[in-house]
């Protein structure tokens, strides 16, 4: 995908500020996966093995640190934890904030080192605005934590933003990291993220179903034409990537 990238900013002879842009082909993909499937581990392996590739992390810290300022005090709220503890109250708020933070992430220009590489630069995002809508927000709606009015509002502004930003949020491919929910549950318990202490296997089962519907069965209703036919690479994430001999061989060959 050709992207208009800010190259330099300088002043002309009359003192006017000039913004010089270049067109650069940047391939944008996402890793879409169940919670605790090993996404961040694979991201580190990719980043270390491929100098022409940038893995853009999920903006989790933004969800964990919502600042509220008054004239006298600043408080910090953990919206991720609030959503897990009271999904009926906070699911719509959380999905709105998570989607907007994902959008900001996807709109950030690639780093200079990536644009200066001789090969075609690749950006791989940990999930995206599409994962937010077709996996997590949809799941909360089907669970009854997002009501029908909130769901209609979410879909309306989501479609509007995606259409407005057009090519800047389009994808060339999806990497689907696939693993049984029981294995993901074991990894979730092992990593010990505080907000996830109350997560049950049933919730992971439902997220797994959403991924299968969208990326394998193709039965999820998709509202963007280019997303309907996007290639999906399925990777078996049942085994830890660090100990998987096939994954090791692949990275050693790069």
C-alpha atoms as a PDB file:
ATOM      1  CA  UNK A   1       0.000   0.000   0.000  1.00  0.00           C
ATOM      2  CA  UNK A   2       1.407   3.414  -0.935  1.00  0.00           C
ATOM      3  CA  UNK A   3       1.424   5.755   2.036  1.00  0.00           C
ATOM      4  CA  UNK A   4       2.082   9.472   2.060  1.00  0.00           C
ATOM      5  CA  UNK A   5       4.861   9.885   4.621  1.00  0.00           C
ATOM      6  CA  UNK A   6       6.158  13.171   6.014  1.00  0.00           C
ATOM      7  CA  UNK A   7       9.786  13.381   4.873  1.00  0.00           C
ATOM      8  CA  UNK A   8      11.100  16.815   5.860  1.00  0.00           C
ATOM      9  CA  UNK A   9       9.902  20.166   7.160  1.00  0.00           C
ATOM     10  CA  UNK A  10      11.764  23.308   6.116  1.00  0.00           C
ATOM     11  CA  UNK A  11      11.306  26.994   5.391  1.00  0.00           C
ATOM     12  CA  UNK A  12      11.412  28.550   1.939  1.00  0.00           C
ATOM     13  CA  UNK A  13      13.134  31.856   1.114  1.00  0.00           C
ATOM     14  CA  UNK A  14      10.046  33.795   2.217  1.00  0.00           C
ATOM     15  CA  UNK A  15       9.835  32.128   5.599  1.00  0.00           C
ATOM     16  CA  UNK A  16       6.925  29.855   4.723  1.00  0.00           C
ATOM     17  CA  UNK A  17       6.910  26.396   6.271  1.00  0.00           C
ATOM     18  CA  UNK A  18       7.100  23.619   3.670  1.00  0.00           C
ATOM     19  CA  UNK A  19       6.031  20.061   4.411  1.00  0.00           C
ATOM     20  CA  UNK A  20       7.662  17.614   2.002  1.00  0.00           C
ATOM     21  CA  UNK A  21       6.061  14.196   1.639  1.00  0.00           C
ATOM     22  CA  UNK A  22       7.159  10.993  -0.072  1.00  0.00           C
ATOM     23  CA  UNK A  23       5.159   8.032  -1.277  1.00  0.00           C
ATOM     24  CA  UNK A  24       6.401   4.733   0.117  1.00  0.00           C
ATOM     25  CA  UNK A  25       5.007   1.250  -0.213  1.00  0.00           C
ATOM     26  CA  UNK A  26       4.432  -0.113   3.294  1.00  0.00           C
ATOM     27  CA  UNK A  27       2.843  -3.513   3.818  1.00  0.00           C
ATOM     28  CA  UNK A  28       0.432  -3.551   6.754  1.00  0.00           C
ATOM     29  CA  UNK A  29      -0.653  -6.789   8.433  1.00  0.00           C
ATOM     30  CA  UNK A  30      -2.097  -7.758  11.782  1.00  0.00           C
ATOM     31  CA  UNK A  31      -1.727 -10.621  14.195  1.00  0.00           C
ATOM     32  CA  UNK A  32      -5.178 -11.587  15.389  1.00  0.00           C
ATOM     33  CA  UNK A  33      -5.513 -14.054  18.208  1.00  0.00           C
ATOM     34  CA  UNK A  34      -7.162 -15.299  21.328  1.00  0.00           C
ATOM     35  CA  UNK A  35      -6.058 -13.796  24.653  1.00  0.00           C
ATOM     36  CA  UNK A  36      -2.728 -15.237  25.901  1.00  0.00           C
ATOM     37  CA  UNK A  37      -2.034 -17.223  22.736  1.00  0.00           C
ATOM     38  CA  UNK A  38       1.619 -16.142  22.490  1.00  0.00           C
ATOM     39  CA  UNK A  39       1.224 -13.105  20.263  1.00  0.00           C
ATOM     40  CA  UNK A  40       3.841 -10.971  22.022  1.00  0.00           C
ATOM     41  CA  UNK A  41       6.347 -13.844  21.976  1.00  0.00           C
ATOM     42  CA  UNK A  42       5.997 -14.262  18.218  1.00  0.00           C
ATOM     43  CA  UNK A  43       6.228 -10.494  17.812  1.00  0.00           C
ATOM     44  CA  UNK A  44       9.639 -10.456  19.529  1.00  0.00           C
ATOM     45  CA  UNK A  45      10.878 -13.300  17.321  1.00  0.00           C
ATOM     46  CA  UNK A  46       9.705 -11.513  14.182  1.00  0.00           C
ATOM     47  CA  UNK A  47      11.225  -8.213  15.243  1.00  0.00           C
ATOM     48  CA  UNK A  48      14.631  -9.725  15.995  1.00  0.00           C
ATOM     49  CA  UNK A  49      14.745 -11.818  12.814  1.00  0.00           C
ATOM     50  CA  UNK A  50      13.463  -9.294  10.265  1.00  0.00           C
ATOM     51  CA  UNK A  51      15.159  -5.867  10.119  1.00  0.00           C
ATOM     52  CA  UNK A  52      12.673  -4.644   7.489  1.00  0.00           C
ATOM     53  CA  UNK A  53       9.740  -5.354   9.766  1.00  0.00           C
ATOM     54  CA  UNK A  54       8.226  -3.462  12.687  1.00  0.00           C
ATOM     55  CA  UNK A  55       5.840  -5.054  15.156  1.00  0.00           C
ATOM     56  CA  UNK A  56       3.494  -2.467  16.645  1.00  0.00           C
ATOM     57  CA  UNK A  57       2.400  -3.496  20.128  1.00  0.00           C
ATOM     58  CA  UNK A  58      -1.173  -3.410  21.351  1.00  0.00           C
ATOM     59  CA  UNK A  59      -1.727  -0.174  23.365  1.00  0.00           C
ATOM     60  CA  UNK A  60      -2.574  -1.998  26.608  1.00  0.00           C
ATOM     61  CA  UNK A  61      -0.896   0.615  28.822  1.00  0.00           C
ATOM     62  CA  UNK A  62      -3.318   3.253  27.547  1.00  0.00           C
ATOM     63  CA  UNK A  63      -6.238   1.144  28.762  1.00  0.00           C
ATOM     64  CA  UNK A  64      -4.604   0.691  32.146  1.00  0.00           C
ATOM     65  CA  UNK A  65      -3.874   4.381  32.736  1.00  0.00           C
ATOM     66  CA  UNK A  66      -6.790   6.745  32.164  1.00  0.00           C
ATOM     67  CA  UNK A  67      -6.004  10.102  33.760  1.00  0.00           C
ATOM     68  CA  UNK A  68      -8.821  12.204  35.183  1.00  0.00           C
ATOM     69  CA  UNK A  69      -7.765  15.704  36.199  1.00  0.00           C
ATOM     70  CA  UNK A  70      -9.576  18.141  38.436  1.00  0.00           C
ATOM     71  CA  UNK A  71      -8.379  21.468  39.806  1.00  0.00           C
ATOM     72  CA  UNK A  72      -6.798  19.790  42.821  1.00  0.00           C
ATOM     73  CA  UNK A  73      -6.011  16.189  42.018  1.00  0.00           C
ATOM     74  CA  UNK A  74      -5.208  13.772  39.205  1.00  0.00           C
ATOM     75  CA  UNK A  75      -6.533  10.239  39.438  1.00  0.00           C
ATOM     76  CA  UNK A  76      -5.581   7.270  37.274  1.00  0.00           C
ATOM     77  CA  UNK A  77      -8.162   4.628  36.401  1.00  0.00           C
ATOM     78  CA  UNK A  78      -7.507   1.166  35.005  1.00  0.00           C
ATOM     79  CA  UNK A  79     -10.264   0.819  32.421  1.00  0.00           C
ATOM     80  CA  UNK A  80      -9.169  -2.694  31.473  1.00  0.00           C
ATOM     81  CA  UNK A  81      -9.646  -3.851  35.054  1.00  0.00           C
ATOM     82  CA  UNK A  82     -12.932  -1.962  35.376  1.00  0.00           C
ATOM     83  CA  UNK A  83     -14.265  -3.721  32.284  1.00  0.00           C
ATOM     84  CA  UNK A  84     -13.345  -7.174  33.578  1.00  0.00           C
ATOM     85  CA  UNK A  85     -14.805  -6.461  37.021  1.00  0.00           C
ATOM     86  CA  UNK A  86     -18.071  -4.910  35.792  1.00  0.00           C
ATOM     87  CA  UNK A  87     -18.563  -5.646  32.074  1.00  0.00           C
ATOM     88  CA  UNK A  88     -22.219  -4.608  32.147  1.00  0.00           C
ATOM     89  CA  UNK A  89     -21.224  -1.070  33.137  1.00  0.00           C
ATOM     90  CA  UNK A  90     -17.918  -0.618  31.340  1.00  0.00           C
ATOM     91  CA  UNK A  91     -17.865  -2.751  28.145  1.00  0.00           C
ATOM     92  CA  UNK A  92     -19.066  -0.027  25.779  1.00  0.00           C
ATOM     93  CA  UNK A  93     -16.740   2.548  27.331  1.00  0.00           C
ATOM     94  CA  UNK A  94     -13.814   0.162  27.121  1.00  0.00           C
ATOM     95  CA  UNK A  95     -14.452  -0.899  23.513  1.00  0.00           C
ATOM     96  CA  UNK A  96     -14.787   2.738  22.469  1.00  0.00           C
ATOM     97  CA  UNK A  97     -11.482   3.639  24.088  1.00  0.00           C
ATOM     98  CA  UNK A  98      -9.654   0.522  22.905  1.00  0.00           C
ATOM     99  CA  UNK A  99     -10.801   1.038  19.315  1.00  0.00           C
ATOM    100  CA  UNK A 100      -9.776   4.695  19.301  1.00  0.00           C
ATOM    101  CA  UNK A 101      -6.347   3.813  20.727  1.00  0.00           C
ATOM    102  CA  UNK A 102      -5.924   1.122  18.051  1.00  0.00           C
ATOM    103  CA  UNK A 103      -6.881   3.664  15.384  1.00  0.00           C
ATOM    104  CA  UNK A 104      -4.285   6.148  16.628  1.00  0.00           C
ATOM    105  CA  UNK A 105      -1.694   3.359  16.574  1.00  0.00           C
ATOM    106  CA  UNK A 106      -2.513   2.410  12.977  1.00  0.00           C
ATOM    107  CA  UNK A 107      -2.325   6.041  11.881  1.00  0.00           C
ATOM    108  CA  UNK A 108       1.189   6.570  13.226  1.00  0.00           C
ATOM    109  CA  UNK A 109       3.807   6.878  10.447  1.00  0.00           C
ATOM    110  CA  UNK A 110       6.414   4.123  10.152  1.00  0.00           C
ATOM    111  CA  UNK A 111       9.784   4.822  11.818  1.00  0.00           C
ATOM    112  CA  UNK A 112      12.575   6.287   9.710  1.00  0.00           C
ATOM    113  CA  UNK A 113      14.666   3.090   9.832  1.00  0.00           C
ATOM    114  CA  UNK A 114      11.831   1.184   8.190  1.00  0.00           C
ATOM    115  CA  UNK A 115      11.349   3.721   5.416  1.00  0.00           C
ATOM    116  CA  UNK A 116      15.059   3.779   4.614  1.00  0.00           C
ATOM    117  CA  UNK A 117      15.299   0.005   4.181  1.00  0.00           C
ATOM    118  CA  UNK A 118      15.994  -1.351   0.695  1.00  0.00           C
ATOM    119  CA  UNK A 119      13.336  -4.040   0.921  1.00  0.00           C
ATOM    120  CA  UNK A 120       9.621  -3.366   1.164  1.00  0.00           C
ATOM    121  CA  UNK A 121       8.946  -2.346   4.780  1.00  0.00           C
ATOM    122  CA  UNK A 122       6.341  -4.301   6.723  1.00  0.00           C
ATOM    123  CA  UNK A 123       4.337  -3.239   9.756  1.00  0.00           C
ATOM    124  CA  UNK A 124       2.632  -5.949  11.792  1.00  0.00           C
ATOM    125  CA  UNK A 125       0.081  -4.740  14.319  1.00  0.00           C
ATOM    126  CA  UNK A 126      -1.012  -6.674  17.378  1.00  0.00           C
ATOM    127  CA  UNK A 127      -4.708  -6.691  16.473  1.00  0.00           C
ATOM    128  CA  UNK A 128      -6.467  -3.707  14.865  1.00  0.00           C
ATOM    129  CA  UNK A 129      -9.650  -1.653  14.614  1.00  0.00           C
ATOM    130  CA  UNK A 130     -11.158  -4.661  12.810  1.00  0.00           C
ATOM    131  CA  UNK A 131     -10.256  -7.077  15.620  1.00  0.00           C
ATOM    132  CA  UNK A 132     -11.867  -4.648  18.020  1.00  0.00           C
ATOM    133  CA  UNK A 133     -15.178  -4.660  16.156  1.00  0.00           C
ATOM    134  CA  UNK A 134     -15.453  -8.195  14.800  1.00  0.00           C
ATOM    135  CA  UNK A 135     -14.037 -10.022  17.822  1.00  0.00           C
ATOM    136  CA  UNK A 136     -14.155  -8.175  21.119  1.00  0.00           C
ATOM    137  CA  UNK A 137     -16.970  -5.631  20.762  1.00  0.00           C
ATOM    138  CA  UNK A 138     -19.160  -8.128  18.888  1.00  0.00           C
ATOM    139  CA  UNK A 139     -18.527 -10.684  21.619  1.00  0.00           C
ATOM    140  CA  UNK A 140     -19.580  -8.237  24.344  1.00  0.00           C
ATOM    141  CA  UNK A 141     -22.734  -7.418  22.372  1.00  0.00           C
ATOM    142  CA  UNK A 142     -23.627 -11.090  22.001  1.00  0.00           C
ATOM    143  CA  UNK A 143     -22.992 -11.613  25.719  1.00  0.00           C
ATOM    144  CA  UNK A 144     -25.411  -8.793  26.512  1.00  0.00           C
ATOM    145  CA  UNK A 145     -22.802  -6.468  28.038  1.00  0.00           C
ATOM    146  CA  UNK A 146     -23.217  -3.976  25.186  1.00  0.00           C
ATOM    147  CA  UNK A 147     -26.873  -3.215  24.521  1.00  0.00           C
ATOM    148  CA  UNK A 148     -28.452  -2.846  21.084  1.00  0.00           C
ATOM    149  CA  UNK A 149     -28.384   0.959  21.143  1.00  0.00           C
ATOM    150  CA  UNK A 150     -24.716   1.056  22.145  1.00  0.00           C
ATOM    151  CA  UNK A 151     -23.906  -1.523  19.464  1.00  0.00           C
ATOM    152  CA  UNK A 152     -25.660   0.537  16.790  1.00  0.00           C
ATOM    153  CA  UNK A 153     -23.743   3.658  17.870  1.00  0.00           C
ATOM    154  CA  UNK A 154     -20.417   1.763  17.963  1.00  0.00           C
ATOM    155  CA  UNK A 155     -20.896   0.341  14.477  1.00  0.00           C
ATOM    156  CA  UNK A 156     -21.940   3.734  13.098  1.00  0.00           C
ATOM    157  CA  UNK A 157     -18.874   5.659  14.252  1.00  0.00           C
ATOM    158  CA  UNK A 158     -16.566   2.704  13.534  1.00  0.00           C
ATOM    159  CA  UNK A 159     -17.719   2.507   9.893  1.00  0.00           C
ATOM    160  CA  UNK A 160     -17.470   6.276   9.526  1.00  0.00           C
ATOM    161  CA  UNK A 161     -13.882   6.420  10.822  1.00  0.00           C
ATOM    162  CA  UNK A 162     -12.683   3.471   8.738  1.00  0.00           C
ATOM    163  CA  UNK A 163     -14.219   5.007   5.608  1.00  0.00           C
ATOM    164  CA  UNK A 164     -12.750   8.431   6.386  1.00  0.00           C
ATOM    165  CA  UNK A 165      -9.212   7.147   6.848  1.00  0.00           C
ATOM    166  CA  UNK A 166      -9.447   4.737   3.928  1.00  0.00           C
ATOM    167  CA  UNK A 167      -6.083   3.350   2.805  1.00  0.00           C
ATOM    168  CA  UNK A 168      -4.364   4.439   5.987  1.00  0.00           C
ATOM    169  CA  UNK A 169      -6.086   1.656   7.934  1.00  0.00           C
ATOM    170  CA  UNK A 170      -6.339  -0.969   5.191  1.00  0.00           C
ATOM    171  CA  UNK A 171      -4.577  -4.304   5.613  1.00  0.00           C
ATOM    172  CA  UNK A 172      -2.733  -6.604   3.216  1.00  0.00           C
ATOM    173  CA  UNK A 173      -2.961  -9.709   5.353  1.00  0.00           C
ATOM    174  CA  UNK A 174      -3.910 -11.288   8.666  1.00  0.00           C
ATOM    175  CA  UNK A 175      -1.847 -13.744  10.697  1.00  0.00           C
ATOM    176  CA  UNK A 176      -4.233 -15.841  12.767  1.00  0.00           C
ATOM    177  CA  UNK A 177      -2.538 -17.431  15.777  1.00  0.00           C
ATOM    178  CA  UNK A 178      -4.744 -20.408  16.559  1.00  0.00           C
ATOM    179  CA  UNK A 179      -4.702 -22.415  19.799  1.00  0.00           C
ATOM    180  CA  UNK A 180      -7.263 -24.281  21.933  1.00  0.00           C
ATOM    181  CA  UNK A 181      -8.843 -22.096  24.650  1.00  0.00           C
ATOM    182  CA  UNK A 182      -7.657 -24.500  27.379  1.00  0.00           C
ATOM    183  CA  UNK A 183      -4.027 -23.928  26.417  1.00  0.00           C
ATOM    184  CA  UNK A 184      -4.600 -20.170  26.325  1.00  0.00           C
ATOM    185  CA  UNK A 185      -6.153 -20.373  29.779  1.00  0.00           C
ATOM    186  CA  UNK A 186      -3.013 -22.068  31.107  1.00  0.00           C
ATOM    187  CA  UNK A 187      -0.812 -19.357  29.575  1.00  0.00           C
ATOM    188  CA  UNK A 188      -3.073 -16.616  30.911  1.00  0.00           C
ATOM    189  CA  UNK A 189      -2.767 -17.989  34.428  1.00  0.00           C
ATOM    190  CA  UNK A 190       0.998 -18.328  34.006  1.00  0.00           C
ATOM    191  CA  UNK A 191       1.589 -14.734  32.878  1.00  0.00           C
ATOM    192  CA  UNK A 192      -0.441 -13.446  35.832  1.00  0.00           C
ATOM    193  CA  UNK A 193      -1.732 -10.142  34.478  1.00  0.00           C
ATOM    194  CA  UNK A 194      -3.626  -8.631  37.418  1.00  0.00           C
ATOM    195  CA  UNK A 195      -6.673  -7.556  35.413  1.00  0.00           C
ATOM    196  CA  UNK A 196      -7.218 -11.087  34.090  1.00  0.00           C
ATOM    197  CA  UNK A 197      -7.515 -12.896  37.422  1.00  0.00           C
ATOM    198  CA  UNK A 198     -11.277 -13.281  37.048  1.00  0.00           C
ATOM    199  CA  UNK A 199     -11.253 -14.422  33.398  1.00  0.00           C
ATOM    200  CA  UNK A 200     -12.988 -17.777  32.952  1.00  0.00           C
ATOM    201  CA  UNK A 201     -12.467 -20.464  30.324  1.00  0.00           C
ATOM    202  CA  UNK A 202     -15.998 -19.849  29.030  1.00  0.00           C
ATOM    203  CA  UNK A 203     -14.984 -16.317  28.000  1.00  0.00           C
ATOM    204  CA  UNK A 204     -11.976 -17.649  26.077  1.00  0.00           C
ATOM    205  CA  UNK A 205     -14.222 -20.252  24.426  1.00  0.00           C
ATOM    206  CA  UNK A 206     -16.452 -17.478  23.126  1.00  0.00           C
ATOM    207  CA  UNK A 207     -13.526 -15.428  21.818  1.00  0.00           C
ATOM    208  CA  UNK A 208     -12.249 -18.533  20.042  1.00  0.00           C
ATOM    209  CA  UNK A 209     -15.633 -18.939  18.341  1.00  0.00           C
ATOM    210  CA  UNK A 210     -15.536 -15.300  17.178  1.00  0.00           C
ATOM    211  CA  UNK A 211     -12.081 -15.803  15.637  1.00  0.00           C
ATOM    212  CA  UNK A 212     -13.163 -18.993  13.901  1.00  0.00           C
ATOM    213  CA  UNK A 213     -16.289 -17.356  12.466  1.00  0.00           C
ATOM    214  CA  UNK A 214     -14.376 -14.377  11.094  1.00  0.00           C
ATOM    215  CA  UNK A 215     -11.082 -15.893   9.938  1.00  0.00           C
ATOM    216  CA  UNK A 216     -11.829 -19.562   9.190  1.00  0.00           C
ATOM    217  CA  UNK A 217     -15.522 -20.053   8.481  1.00  0.00           C
ATOM    218  CA  UNK A 218     -15.929 -16.541   6.984  1.00  0.00           C
ATOM    219  CA  UNK A 219     -19.431 -16.351   8.449  1.00  0.00           C
ATOM    220  CA  UNK A 220     -19.067 -13.021  10.294  1.00  0.00           C
ATOM    221  CA  UNK A 221     -20.835 -10.154   8.535  1.00  0.00           C
ATOM    222  CA  UNK A 222     -18.059  -7.838   7.314  1.00  0.00           C
ATOM    223  CA  UNK A 223     -18.858  -4.263   6.295  1.00  0.00           C
ATOM    224  CA  UNK A 224     -15.723  -3.374   4.310  1.00  0.00           C
ATOM    225  CA  UNK A 225     -15.245  -4.883   0.859  1.00  0.00           C
ATOM    226  CA  UNK A 226     -11.441  -5.076   0.904  1.00  0.00           C
ATOM    227  CA  UNK A 227     -11.495  -6.843   4.250  1.00  0.00           C
ATOM    228  CA  UNK A 228     -13.754  -9.613   2.957  1.00  0.00           C
ATOM    229  CA  UNK A 229     -11.132 -11.152   0.650  1.00  0.00           C
ATOM    230  CA  UNK A 230      -7.981 -10.456   2.636  1.00  0.00           C
ATOM    231  CA  UNK A 231      -5.553 -13.418   2.826  1.00  0.00           C
ATOM    232  CA  UNK A 232      -5.349 -15.131   6.216  1.00  0.00           C
ATOM    233  CA  UNK A 233      -2.294 -17.104   7.325  1.00  0.00           C
ATOM    234  CA  UNK A 234      -3.128 -19.595  10.068  1.00  0.00           C
ATOM    235  CA  UNK A 235      -0.363 -20.530  12.497  1.00  0.00           C
ATOM    236  CA  UNK A 236      -0.722 -23.315  15.031  1.00  0.00           C
ATOM    237  CA  UNK A 237       0.090 -21.675  18.362  1.00  0.00           C
ATOM    238  CA  UNK A 238      -0.612 -24.753  20.479  1.00  0.00           C
ATOM    239  CA  UNK A 239       3.093 -25.136  21.199  1.00  0.00           C
ATOM    240  CA  UNK A 240       5.208 -22.351  22.666  1.00  0.00           C
ATOM    241  CA  UNK A 241       6.942 -20.523  19.820  1.00  0.00           C
ATOM    242  CA  UNK A 242      10.313 -20.536  21.616  1.00  0.00           C
ATOM    243  CA  UNK A 243      10.301 -24.338  21.795  1.00  0.00           C
ATOM    244  CA  UNK A 244       8.717 -25.071  18.416  1.00  0.00           C
ATOM    245  CA  UNK A 245      11.465 -26.543  16.185  1.00  0.00           C
ATOM    246  CA  UNK A 246       9.648 -25.539  12.964  1.00  0.00           C
ATOM    247  CA  UNK A 247       9.431 -21.930  14.105  1.00  0.00           C
ATOM    248  CA  UNK A 248      13.100 -21.982  15.109  1.00  0.00           C
ATOM    249  CA  UNK A 249      14.113 -23.367  11.710  1.00  0.00           C
ATOM    250  CA  UNK A 250      12.042 -20.730   9.953  1.00  0.00           C
ATOM    251  CA  UNK A 251      13.677 -17.846  11.799  1.00  0.00           C
ATOM    252  CA  UNK A 252      17.140 -19.324  11.378  1.00  0.00           C
ATOM    253  CA  UNK A 253      16.571 -19.385   7.614  1.00  0.00           C
ATOM    254  CA  UNK A 254      15.763 -15.671   7.394  1.00  0.00           C
END
